[in-house]
Amino acid sequence: MTLDLRRIVLLVALLNLAYFGIEFAVAARIGSVSLFADSIDFLEDTCLNVLVWVGLAKAARHRAILGKLLAGLLLIPSLATVYALVTKVASFTSPEPLPLSLTGAGALAVNLGCALLLARHRHRGGSLSRAAFLSARNDALANVAIVAAGAVTWYAASAWPDLIVGLGIAAMNAGAAREVFRAARQEQDMIAPHP
């Protein structure tokens, strides 16, 4: 079972790395904060899933410690998004709506696929598999918002939808980090020797 989960996690890492390149390129071309935040999140998910892959081969004690480190890793996209938001507010230009929505739809397909691959294993492997699943699930939700931001941007010709979705992605990653840290702490408490 762990071998099967490790293979799935490695596949998820490769899918995330591939779409990071696509989404980052489009984000840079059209000046989208939400796509930038999501592309950084794809890169973070690549690292997260590689660490999960390594961690699943370790003892439960090491997995709990690694789970806490992964919680910190989940905060990186939030910080990168805040930086992108500050930069974007200075220019306050709208991204091109069609590439925004199409790229968001592609990201949604990748993240839904990853979430489906990880769903049946989310309660196995402790905080590590939970981190991988939550990350893919949250990213799929963020991608729906990106597609919607593209539609609203097309209708209203405003930078606000992109900025709001980017901020929402940052908040969602911060919430996932808190949940993974809590799960890792509970896992560590369960394996700690009691007097």
N, C-alpha and C. Protein backbone atom coordinates (compact mmCIF):
# COMPACT_ATOMS: atom_id res chain seq x y z
N MET A 1 0.82 -1.20 0.00
CA MET A 1 0.00 0.00 0.00
C MET A 1 0.87 1.26 0.00
N THR A 2 1.92 1.29 0.85
CA THR A 2 2.81 2.44 0.89
C THR A 2 3.53 2.60 -0.44
N LEU A 3 3.93 1.48 -1.07
CA LEU A 3 4.59 1.55 -2.37
C LEU A 3 3.66 2.16 -3.41
N ASP A 4 2.38 1.75 -3.39
CA ASP A 4 1.39 2.30 -4.31
C ASP A 4 1.22 3.80 -4.08
N LEU A 5 1.12 4.21 -2.82
CA LEU A 5 0.99 5.63 -2.48
C LEU A 5 2.24 6.40 -2.91
N ARG A 6 3.41 5.83 -2.72
CA ARG A 6 4.64 6.51 -3.12
C ARG A 6 4.68 6.73 -4.64
N ARG A 7 4.23 5.76 -5.41
CA ARG A 7 4.19 5.92 -6.88
C ARG A 7 3.21 7.03 -7.28
N ILE A 8 2.06 7.05 -6.63
CA ILE A 8 1.07 8.09 -6.93
C ILE A 8 1.62 9.47 -6.58
N VAL A 9 2.25 9.58 -5.43
CA VAL A 9 2.81 10.87 -5.00
C VAL A 9 3.89 11.34 -5.97
N LEU A 10 4.71 10.43 -6.46
CA LEU A 10 5.75 10.80 -7.42
C LEU A 10 5.12 11.27 -8.74
N LEU A 11 4.08 10.60 -9.20
CA LEU A 11 3.37 11.02 -10.41
C LEU A 11 2.76 12.40 -10.22
N VAL A 12 2.16 12.63 -9.06
CA VAL A 12 1.57 13.94 -8.76
C VAL A 12 2.65 15.03 -8.77
N ALA A 13 3.83 14.72 -8.23
CA ALA A 13 4.93 15.69 -8.23
C ALA A 13 5.33 16.06 -9.66
N LEU A 14 5.42 15.07 -10.54
CA LEU A 14 5.80 15.33 -11.94
C LEU A 14 4.74 16.15 -12.67
N LEU A 15 3.47 15.84 -12.44
CA LEU A 15 2.39 16.61 -13.06
C LEU A 15 2.43 18.07 -12.61
N ASN A 16 2.68 18.28 -11.31
CA ASN A 16 2.76 19.64 -10.78
C ASN A 16 3.93 20.41 -11.37
N LEU A 17 5.06 19.76 -11.51
CA LEU A 17 6.24 20.42 -12.08
C LEU A 17 5.98 20.83 -13.53
N ALA A 18 5.36 19.95 -14.29
CA ALA A 18 5.07 20.25 -15.69
C ALA A 18 4.13 21.45 -15.82
N TYR A 19 3.07 21.49 -15.01
CA TYR A 19 2.12 22.60 -15.17
C TYR A 19 2.64 23.89 -14.56
N PHE A 20 3.56 23.81 -13.60
CA PHE A 20 4.20 25.03 -13.09
C PHE A 20 4.79 25.84 -14.23
N GLY A 21 5.55 25.17 -15.10
CA GLY A 21 6.20 25.87 -16.22
C GLY A 21 5.20 26.55 -17.13
N ILE A 22 4.13 25.86 -17.45
CA ILE A 22 3.10 26.42 -18.33
C ILE A 22 2.45 27.63 -17.67
N GLU A 23 2.00 27.46 -16.45
CA GLU A 23 1.24 28.52 -15.79
C GLU A 23 2.11 29.74 -15.48
N PHE A 24 3.35 29.51 -15.09
CA PHE A 24 4.25 30.63 -14.80
C PHE A 24 4.50 31.45 -16.06
N ALA A 25 4.70 30.78 -17.19
CA ALA A 25 4.93 31.48 -18.46
C ALA A 25 3.73 32.34 -18.84
N VAL A 26 2.53 31.79 -18.71
CA VAL A 26 1.33 32.56 -19.05
C VAL A 26 1.16 33.72 -18.06
N ALA A 27 1.37 33.47 -16.78
CA ALA A 27 1.24 34.53 -15.77
C ALA A 27 2.17 35.70 -16.08
N ALA A 28 3.41 35.38 -16.44
CA ALA A 28 4.38 36.43 -16.77
C ALA A 28 3.96 37.20 -18.02
N ARG A 29 3.42 36.49 -19.01
CA ARG A 29 3.03 37.14 -20.26
C ARG A 29 1.83 38.06 -20.09
N ILE A 30 0.83 37.65 -19.30
CA ILE A 30 -0.39 38.46 -19.20
C ILE A 30 -0.45 39.30 -17.91
N GLY A 31 0.52 39.14 -17.03
CA GLY A 31 0.55 39.94 -15.80
C GLY A 31 -0.55 39.58 -14.82
N SER A 32 -0.74 38.28 -14.56
CA SER A 32 -1.81 37.83 -13.67
C SER A 32 -1.27 37.43 -12.30
N VAL A 33 -1.81 38.07 -11.26
CA VAL A 33 -1.43 37.74 -9.88
C VAL A 33 -1.94 36.36 -9.51
N SER A 34 -3.18 36.05 -9.88
CA SER A 34 -3.74 34.75 -9.48
C SER A 34 -3.01 33.60 -10.16
N LEU A 35 -2.65 33.75 -11.45
CA LEU A 35 -1.88 32.70 -12.12
C LEU A 35 -0.47 32.60 -11.55
N PHE A 36 0.11 33.75 -11.20
CA PHE A 36 1.44 33.73 -10.58
C PHE A 36 1.37 32.95 -9.26
N ALA A 37 0.37 33.30 -8.42
CA ALA A 37 0.23 32.63 -7.13
C ALA A 37 0.02 31.13 -7.34
N ASP A 38 -0.80 30.78 -8.32
CA ASP A 38 -1.08 29.37 -8.55
C ASP A 38 0.13 28.64 -9.13
N SER A 39 0.91 29.32 -9.97
CA SER A 39 2.11 28.67 -10.52
C SER A 39 3.14 28.41 -9.43
N ILE A 40 3.31 29.37 -8.53
CA ILE A 40 4.21 29.16 -7.40
C ILE A 40 3.69 28.01 -6.53
N ASP A 41 2.37 27.92 -6.43
CA ASP A 41 1.78 26.83 -5.68
C ASP A 41 2.06 25.49 -6.36
N PHE A 42 2.05 25.44 -7.70
CA PHE A 42 2.41 24.20 -8.40
C PHE A 42 3.85 23.80 -8.08
N LEU A 43 4.75 24.78 -8.02
CA LEU A 43 6.15 24.49 -7.69
C LEU A 43 6.25 24.00 -6.24
N GLU A 44 5.52 24.64 -5.35
CA GLU A 44 5.50 24.22 -3.95
C GLU A 44 4.93 22.81 -3.84
N ASP A 45 3.88 22.51 -4.62
CA ASP A 45 3.29 21.17 -4.60
C ASP A 45 4.28 20.12 -5.11
N THR A 46 5.10 20.49 -6.07
CA THR A 46 6.13 19.58 -6.55
C THR A 46 7.06 19.22 -5.41
N CYS A 47 7.55 20.24 -4.71
CA CYS A 47 8.46 20.01 -3.57
C CYS A 47 7.76 19.21 -2.48
N LEU A 48 6.52 19.58 -2.17
CA LEU A 48 5.76 18.90 -1.14
C LEU A 48 5.63 17.42 -1.46
N ASN A 49 5.26 17.10 -2.69
CA ASN A 49 5.04 15.70 -3.05
C ASN A 49 6.34 14.91 -3.11
N VAL A 50 7.44 15.55 -3.47
CA VAL A 50 8.74 14.85 -3.42
C VAL A 50 9.09 14.56 -1.96
N LEU A 51 8.86 15.52 -1.08
CA LEU A 51 9.13 15.29 0.34
C LEU A 51 8.21 14.21 0.92
N VAL A 52 6.95 14.19 0.48
CA VAL A 52 6.04 13.14 0.92
C VAL A 52 6.55 11.79 0.43
N TRP A 53 6.99 11.73 -0.81
CA TRP A 53 7.52 10.50 -1.40
C TRP A 53 8.68 9.97 -0.56
N VAL A 54 9.59 10.87 -0.18
CA VAL A 54 10.73 10.48 0.66
C VAL A 54 10.24 10.08 2.05
N GLY A 55 9.35 10.89 2.61
CA GLY A 55 8.88 10.66 3.98
C GLY A 55 8.13 9.37 4.18
N LEU A 56 7.42 8.92 3.16
CA LEU A 56 6.64 7.68 3.29
C LEU A 56 7.54 6.45 3.49
N ALA A 57 8.80 6.58 3.15
CA ALA A 57 9.74 5.48 3.35
C ALA A 57 10.38 5.55 4.75
N LYS A 58 10.05 6.56 5.51
CA LYS A 58 10.64 6.76 6.84
C LYS A 58 9.72 6.24 7.94
N ALA A 59 10.26 6.16 9.15
CA ALA A 59 9.49 5.74 10.32
C ALA A 59 8.46 6.80 10.67
N ALA A 60 7.42 6.40 11.42
CA ALA A 60 6.32 7.31 11.78
C ALA A 60 6.84 8.56 12.50
N ARG A 61 7.84 8.40 13.35
CA ARG A 61 8.39 9.55 14.08
C ARG A 61 8.95 10.60 13.11
N HIS A 62 9.67 10.14 12.10
CA HIS A 62 10.24 11.05 11.11
C HIS A 62 9.16 11.67 10.23
N ARG A 63 8.10 10.90 9.94
CA ARG A 63 7.01 11.44 9.13
C ARG A 63 6.30 12.58 9.84
N ALA A 64 6.13 12.47 11.14
CA ALA A 64 5.47 13.54 11.90
C ALA A 64 6.29 14.82 11.87
N ILE A 65 7.60 14.69 12.00
CA ILE A 65 8.49 15.86 11.94
C ILE A 65 8.45 16.46 10.54
N LEU A 66 8.49 15.61 9.52
CA LEU A 66 8.43 16.08 8.14
C LEU A 66 7.09 16.77 7.87
N GLY A 67 6.01 16.27 8.46
CA GLY A 67 4.70 16.90 8.31
C GLY A 67 4.71 18.34 8.80
N LYS A 68 5.39 18.59 9.91
CA LYS A 68 5.50 19.97 10.43
C LYS A 68 6.29 20.85 9.46
N LEU A 69 7.35 20.29 8.88
CA LEU A 69 8.12 21.06 7.90
C LEU A 69 7.28 21.36 6.66
N LEU A 70 6.47 20.41 6.25
CA LEU A 70 5.60 20.62 5.09
C LEU A 70 4.58 21.71 5.35
N ALA A 71 4.12 21.81 6.58
CA ALA A 71 3.17 22.88 6.94
C ALA A 71 3.82 24.24 6.69
N GLY A 72 5.08 24.37 7.04
CA GLY A 72 5.80 25.61 6.75
C GLY A 72 5.96 25.85 5.26
N LEU A 73 6.20 24.77 4.52
CA LEU A 73 6.35 24.87 3.07
C LEU A 73 5.06 25.37 2.41
N LEU A 74 3.92 24.99 2.97
CA LEU A 74 2.64 25.42 2.42
C LEU A 74 2.43 26.93 2.53
N LEU A 75 3.19 27.59 3.40
CA LEU A 75 3.05 29.04 3.55
C LEU A 75 3.79 29.82 2.47
N ILE A 76 4.73 29.20 1.79
CA ILE A 76 5.55 29.91 0.80
C ILE A 76 4.71 30.55 -0.30
N PRO A 77 3.74 29.84 -0.90
CA PRO A 77 2.93 30.50 -1.93
C PRO A 77 2.17 31.71 -1.40
N SER A 78 1.75 31.67 -0.14
CA SER A 78 1.05 32.82 0.44
C SER A 78 1.95 34.04 0.47
N LEU A 79 3.19 33.84 0.87
CA LEU A 79 4.13 34.96 0.93
C LEU A 79 4.46 35.48 -0.47
N ALA A 80 4.64 34.58 -1.43
CA ALA A 80 4.92 34.99 -2.80
C ALA A 80 3.74 35.75 -3.40
N THR A 81 2.53 35.36 -3.04
CA THR A 81 1.34 36.04 -3.54
C THR A 81 1.23 37.45 -2.98
N VAL A 82 1.53 37.61 -1.70
CA VAL A 82 1.50 38.94 -1.10
C VAL A 82 2.47 39.86 -1.85
N TYR A 83 3.65 39.36 -2.17
CA TYR A 83 4.61 40.14 -2.94
C TYR A 83 4.05 40.51 -4.32
N ALA A 84 3.45 39.53 -5.00
CA ALA A 84 2.87 39.79 -6.33
C ALA A 84 1.72 40.80 -6.24
N LEU A 85 0.93 40.72 -5.19
CA LEU A 85 -0.18 41.66 -5.01
C LEU A 85 0.33 43.09 -4.86
N VAL A 86 1.35 43.25 -4.03
CA VAL A 86 1.91 44.58 -3.83
C VAL A 86 2.45 45.14 -5.15
N THR A 87 3.12 44.31 -5.92
CA THR A 87 3.66 44.73 -7.22
C THR A 87 2.53 45.08 -8.18
N LYS A 88 1.48 44.28 -8.19
CA LYS A 88 0.36 44.47 -9.12
C LYS A 88 -0.42 45.74 -8.79
N VAL A 89 -0.59 46.04 -7.51
CA VAL A 89 -1.34 47.23 -7.13
C VAL A 89 -0.68 48.49 -7.68
N ALA A 90 0.63 48.47 -7.81
CA ALA A 90 1.35 49.63 -8.35
C ALA A 90 0.95 49.90 -9.79
N SER A 91 0.78 48.87 -10.61
CA SER A 91 0.42 49.08 -12.02
C SER A 91 -1.09 49.01 -12.24
N PHE A 92 -1.77 48.14 -11.50
CA PHE A 92 -3.22 47.95 -11.54
C PHE A 92 -3.77 47.78 -12.96
N THR A 93 -3.15 46.89 -13.71
CA THR A 93 -3.65 46.58 -15.05
C THR A 93 -4.34 45.22 -15.03
N SER A 94 -5.35 45.09 -15.88
CA SER A 94 -6.09 43.83 -15.96
C SER A 94 -5.34 42.81 -16.80
N PRO A 95 -5.31 41.56 -16.38
CA PRO A 95 -4.72 40.52 -17.24
C PRO A 95 -5.67 40.20 -18.40
N GLU A 96 -5.14 39.57 -19.43
CA GLU A 96 -6.00 39.16 -20.55
C GLU A 96 -6.93 38.05 -20.07
N PRO A 97 -8.24 38.24 -20.22
CA PRO A 97 -9.19 37.29 -19.62
C PRO A 97 -9.18 35.89 -20.23
N LEU A 98 -9.05 35.76 -21.55
CA LEU A 98 -9.12 34.43 -22.16
C LEU A 98 -7.94 33.55 -21.74
N PRO A 99 -6.69 34.02 -21.86
CA PRO A 99 -5.59 33.17 -21.36
C PRO A 99 -5.69 32.89 -19.86
N LEU A 100 -6.22 33.84 -19.10
CA LEU A 100 -6.39 33.64 -17.66
C LEU A 100 -7.34 32.47 -17.41
N SER A 101 -8.50 32.49 -18.06
CA SER A 101 -9.48 31.42 -17.86
C SER A 101 -9.01 30.08 -18.42
N LEU A 102 -8.42 30.09 -19.60
CA LEU A 102 -7.96 28.83 -20.21
C LEU A 102 -6.85 28.18 -19.39
N THR A 103 -5.92 28.99 -18.92
CA THR A 103 -4.82 28.46 -18.11
C THR A 103 -5.35 27.96 -16.77
N GLY A 104 -6.31 28.69 -16.19
CA GLY A 104 -6.95 28.24 -14.96
C GLY A 104 -7.69 26.93 -15.16
N ALA A 105 -8.33 26.76 -16.33
CA ALA A 105 -9.04 25.51 -16.62
C ALA A 105 -8.06 24.35 -16.77
N GLY A 106 -6.92 24.60 -17.40
CA GLY A 106 -5.89 23.55 -17.50
C GLY A 106 -5.37 23.16 -16.13
N ALA A 107 -5.15 24.16 -15.28
CA ALA A 107 -4.69 23.89 -13.92
C ALA A 107 -5.74 23.11 -13.14
N LEU A 108 -7.01 23.44 -13.36
CA LEU A 108 -8.10 22.71 -12.70
C LEU A 108 -8.07 21.23 -13.09
N ALA A 109 -7.87 20.96 -14.38
CA ALA A 109 -7.82 19.57 -14.84
C ALA A 109 -6.66 18.81 -14.18
N VAL A 110 -5.49 19.44 -14.11
CA VAL A 110 -4.33 18.80 -13.47
C VAL A 110 -4.59 18.56 -11.99
N ASN A 111 -5.10 19.57 -11.30
CA ASN A 111 -5.32 19.43 -9.85
C ASN A 111 -6.44 18.46 -9.51
N LEU A 112 -7.50 18.43 -10.32
CA LEU A 112 -8.56 17.45 -10.08
C LEU A 112 -8.02 16.04 -10.27
N GLY A 113 -7.22 15.86 -11.31
CA GLY A 113 -6.60 14.55 -11.53
C GLY A 113 -5.72 14.14 -10.37
N CYS A 114 -4.91 15.07 -9.87
CA CYS A 114 -4.05 14.78 -8.72
C CYS A 114 -4.87 14.49 -7.47
N ALA A 115 -5.92 15.28 -7.23
CA ALA A 115 -6.76 15.06 -6.05
C ALA A 115 -7.44 13.69 -6.12
N LEU A 116 -7.90 13.31 -7.30
CA LEU A 116 -8.53 12.00 -7.45
C LEU A 116 -7.53 10.87 -7.20
N LEU A 117 -6.31 11.04 -7.69
CA LEU A 117 -5.28 10.03 -7.45
C LEU A 117 -4.98 9.86 -5.95
N LEU A 118 -4.99 10.98 -5.24
CA LEU A 118 -4.61 10.97 -3.82
C LEU A 118 -5.78 10.72 -2.88
N ALA A 119 -7.02 10.86 -3.34
CA ALA A 119 -8.19 10.83 -2.46
C ALA A 119 -8.29 9.54 -1.66
N ARG A 120 -8.09 8.41 -2.29
CA ARG A 120 -8.29 7.17 -1.55
C ARG A 120 -7.17 6.89 -0.54
N HIS A 121 -6.08 7.66 -0.63
CA HIS A 121 -4.95 7.47 0.29
C HIS A 121 -4.84 8.59 1.33
N ARG A 122 -5.77 9.53 1.34
CA ARG A 122 -5.61 10.72 2.18
C ARG A 122 -5.57 10.43 3.67
N HIS A 123 -6.11 9.29 4.09
CA HIS A 123 -6.09 8.95 5.52
C HIS A 123 -5.02 7.92 5.85
N ARG A 124 -4.24 7.54 4.84
CA ARG A 124 -3.12 6.62 5.06
C ARG A 124 -1.84 7.42 4.92
N GLY A 125 -0.83 7.05 5.67
CA GLY A 125 0.44 7.77 5.57
C GLY A 125 0.49 8.99 6.46
N GLY A 126 -0.50 9.17 7.32
CA GLY A 126 -0.49 10.26 8.30
C GLY A 126 -0.58 11.64 7.68
N SER A 127 0.11 12.58 8.32
CA SER A 127 0.03 13.98 7.90
C SER A 127 0.61 14.19 6.51
N LEU A 128 1.51 13.32 6.08
CA LEU A 128 2.13 13.49 4.76
C LEU A 128 1.12 13.31 3.63
N SER A 129 0.39 12.20 3.65
CA SER A 129 -0.59 11.98 2.59
C SER A 129 -1.72 12.98 2.71
N ARG A 130 -2.05 13.39 3.92
CA ARG A 130 -3.08 14.42 4.11
C ARG A 130 -2.62 15.75 3.50
N ALA A 131 -1.36 16.09 3.68
CA ALA A 131 -0.83 17.33 3.09
C ALA A 131 -0.92 17.30 1.57
N ALA A 132 -0.55 16.18 0.98
CA ALA A 132 -0.59 16.06 -0.48
C ALA A 132 -2.02 16.19 -1.00
N PHE A 133 -2.97 15.51 -0.34
CA PHE A 133 -4.36 15.57 -0.78
C PHE A 133 -4.94 16.97 -0.60
N LEU A 134 -4.75 17.57 0.58
CA LEU A 134 -5.29 18.90 0.84
C LEU A 134 -4.74 19.92 -0.15
N SER A 135 -3.50 19.79 -0.48
CA SER A 135 -2.88 20.71 -1.42
C SER A 135 -3.55 20.62 -2.79
N ALA A 136 -3.75 19.40 -3.30
CA ALA A 136 -4.39 19.21 -4.60
C ALA A 136 -5.85 19.66 -4.56
N ARG A 137 -6.55 19.32 -3.50
CA ARG A 137 -7.97 19.72 -3.38
C ARG A 137 -8.12 21.24 -3.34
N ASN A 138 -7.31 21.90 -2.51
CA ASN A 138 -7.37 23.36 -2.41
C ASN A 138 -7.01 24.02 -3.73
N ASP A 139 -6.05 23.46 -4.42
CA ASP A 139 -5.65 24.02 -5.70
C ASP A 139 -6.77 23.93 -6.73
N ALA A 140 -7.51 22.83 -6.72
CA ALA A 140 -8.64 22.69 -7.64
C ALA A 140 -9.68 23.77 -7.36
N LEU A 141 -9.95 24.03 -6.09
CA LEU A 141 -10.89 25.10 -5.73
C LEU A 141 -10.38 26.46 -6.20
N ALA A 142 -9.09 26.69 -6.02
CA ALA A 142 -8.50 27.95 -6.47
C ALA A 142 -8.61 28.09 -7.99
N ASN A 143 -8.46 27.00 -8.70
CA ASN A 143 -8.53 27.06 -10.16
C ASN A 143 -9.92 27.41 -10.66
N VAL A 144 -10.95 26.94 -9.96
CA VAL A 144 -12.32 27.34 -10.31
C VAL A 144 -12.44 28.87 -10.18
N ALA A 145 -11.87 29.41 -9.11
CA ALA A 145 -11.91 30.86 -8.89
C ALA A 145 -11.13 31.60 -9.97
N ILE A 146 -10.03 31.05 -10.44
CA ILE A 146 -9.25 31.69 -11.50
C ILE A 146 -10.05 31.75 -12.80
N VAL A 147 -10.72 30.66 -13.14
CA VAL A 147 -11.56 30.64 -14.35
C VAL A 147 -12.65 31.70 -14.22
N ALA A 148 -13.27 31.78 -13.06
CA ALA A 148 -14.31 32.79 -12.83
C ALA A 148 -13.73 34.20 -12.90
N ALA A 149 -12.53 34.39 -12.37
CA ALA A 149 -11.89 35.72 -12.43
C ALA A 149 -11.68 36.14 -13.87
N GLY A 150 -11.31 35.19 -14.73
CA GLY A 150 -11.16 35.51 -16.14
C GLY A 150 -12.45 35.98 -16.77
N ALA A 151 -13.56 35.31 -16.42
CA ALA A 151 -14.87 35.69 -16.95
C ALA A 151 -15.28 37.08 -16.46
N VAL A 152 -15.08 37.34 -15.17
CA VAL A 152 -15.44 38.64 -14.61
C VAL A 152 -14.53 39.74 -15.19
N THR A 153 -13.26 39.43 -15.36
CA THR A 153 -12.33 40.40 -15.95
C THR A 153 -12.75 40.74 -17.37
N TRP A 154 -13.18 39.75 -18.12
CA TRP A 154 -13.66 40.00 -19.48
C TRP A 154 -14.87 40.92 -19.47
N TYR A 155 -15.77 40.69 -18.52
CA TYR A 155 -17.00 41.48 -18.44
C TYR A 155 -16.74 42.89 -17.92
N ALA A 156 -15.95 43.00 -16.86
CA ALA A 156 -15.77 44.28 -16.17
C ALA A 156 -14.49 45.02 -16.53
N ALA A 157 -13.56 44.37 -17.23
CA ALA A 157 -12.26 44.97 -17.58
C ALA A 157 -11.60 45.59 -16.35
N SER A 158 -11.50 44.79 -15.28
CA SER A 158 -10.94 45.27 -14.02
C SER A 158 -9.86 44.31 -13.54
N ALA A 159 -8.89 44.85 -12.81
CA ALA A 159 -7.84 44.03 -12.22
C ALA A 159 -8.30 43.40 -10.90
N TRP A 160 -9.40 43.87 -10.33
CA TRP A 160 -9.84 43.40 -9.03
C TRP A 160 -10.11 41.90 -8.94
N PRO A 161 -10.79 41.28 -9.91
CA PRO A 161 -11.03 39.84 -9.77
C PRO A 161 -9.73 39.03 -9.64
N ASP A 162 -8.74 39.37 -10.44
CA ASP A 162 -7.46 38.69 -10.38
C ASP A 162 -6.78 38.89 -9.03
N LEU A 163 -6.83 40.12 -8.52
CA LEU A 163 -6.22 40.42 -7.23
C LEU A 163 -6.94 39.70 -6.08
N ILE A 164 -8.25 39.69 -6.13
CA ILE A 164 -9.03 39.05 -5.06
C ILE A 164 -8.78 37.54 -5.05
N VAL A 165 -8.76 36.93 -6.22
CA VAL A 165 -8.51 35.48 -6.29
C VAL A 165 -7.09 35.17 -5.82
N GLY A 166 -6.13 36.00 -6.20
CA GLY A 166 -4.76 35.80 -5.72
C GLY A 166 -4.68 35.84 -4.21
N LEU A 167 -5.38 36.79 -3.60
CA LEU A 167 -5.42 36.90 -2.15
C LEU A 167 -6.12 35.69 -1.52
N GLY A 168 -7.19 35.23 -2.16
CA GLY A 168 -7.90 34.04 -1.69
C GLY A 168 -7.02 32.80 -1.71
N ILE A 169 -6.20 32.66 -2.75
CA ILE A 169 -5.28 31.52 -2.85
C ILE A 169 -4.28 31.57 -1.70
N ALA A 170 -3.79 32.77 -1.40
CA ALA A 170 -2.84 32.91 -0.29
C ALA A 170 -3.49 32.50 1.03
N ALA A 171 -4.74 32.92 1.26
CA ALA A 171 -5.43 32.58 2.51
C ALA A 171 -5.71 31.08 2.59
N MET A 172 -6.07 30.45 1.47
CA MET A 172 -6.35 29.02 1.47
C MET A 172 -5.09 28.22 1.79
N ASN A 173 -3.95 28.63 1.25
CA ASN A 173 -2.70 27.93 1.55
C ASN A 173 -2.32 28.08 3.02
N ALA A 174 -2.58 29.25 3.59
CA ALA A 174 -2.29 29.44 5.01
C ALA A 174 -3.16 28.52 5.86
N GLY A 175 -4.44 28.36 5.50
CA GLY A 175 -5.34 27.45 6.22
C GLY A 175 -4.90 26.00 6.11
N ALA A 176 -4.46 25.60 4.92
CA ALA A 176 -3.98 24.22 4.73
C ALA A 176 -2.73 23.97 5.56
N ALA A 177 -1.85 24.97 5.63
CA ALA A 177 -0.63 24.84 6.44
C ALA A 177 -0.98 24.60 7.90
N ARG A 178 -1.96 25.34 8.40
CA ARG A 178 -2.39 25.17 9.79
C ARG A 178 -2.95 23.77 10.03
N GLU A 179 -3.76 23.28 9.08
CA GLU A 179 -4.37 21.96 9.23
C GLU A 179 -3.32 20.85 9.19
N VAL A 180 -2.34 20.96 8.29
CA VAL A 180 -1.28 19.95 8.21
C VAL A 180 -0.42 19.97 9.46
N PHE A 181 -0.11 21.16 9.97
CA PHE A 181 0.69 21.26 11.19
C PHE A 181 -0.04 20.61 12.36
N ARG A 182 -1.34 20.86 12.46
CA ARG A 182 -2.14 20.27 13.54
C ARG A 182 -2.15 18.74 13.43
N ALA A 183 -2.31 18.23 12.20
CA ALA A 183 -2.31 16.77 12.00
C ALA A 183 -0.95 16.17 12.35
N ALA A 184 0.13 16.85 11.99
CA ALA A 184 1.48 16.36 12.30
C ALA A 184 1.72 16.37 13.81
N ARG A 185 1.22 17.39 14.49
CA ARG A 185 1.39 17.46 15.94
C ARG A 185 0.62 16.33 16.63
N GLN A 186 -0.61 16.07 16.16
CA GLN A 186 -1.39 14.96 16.73
C GLN A 186 -0.69 13.62 16.47
N GLU A 187 -0.14 13.50 15.27
CA GLU A 187 0.58 12.26 14.92
C GLU A 187 1.79 12.08 15.83
N GLN A 188 2.51 13.16 16.07
CA GLN A 188 3.68 13.10 16.93
C GLN A 188 3.29 12.77 18.36
N ASP A 189 2.17 13.34 18.83
CA ASP A 189 1.69 13.05 20.19
C ASP A 189 1.30 11.58 20.35
N MET A 190 0.75 10.98 19.28
CA MET A 190 0.34 9.59 19.35
C MET A 190 1.52 8.63 19.43
N ILE A 191 2.65 9.00 18.82
CA ILE A 191 3.80 8.09 18.82
C ILE A 191 4.80 8.40 19.94
N ALA A 192 4.60 9.55 20.61
CA ALA A 192 5.51 9.91 21.69
C ALA A 192 5.31 8.98 22.87
N PRO A 193 6.40 8.57 23.53
CA PRO A 193 6.25 7.69 24.69
C PRO A 193 5.58 8.45 25.82
N HIS A 194 4.61 7.79 26.47
CA HIS A 194 3.89 8.42 27.58
C HIS A 194 4.45 7.86 28.90
N PRO A 195 4.64 8.74 29.92
CA PRO A 195 5.19 8.28 31.21
C PRO A 195 4.19 7.43 31.96
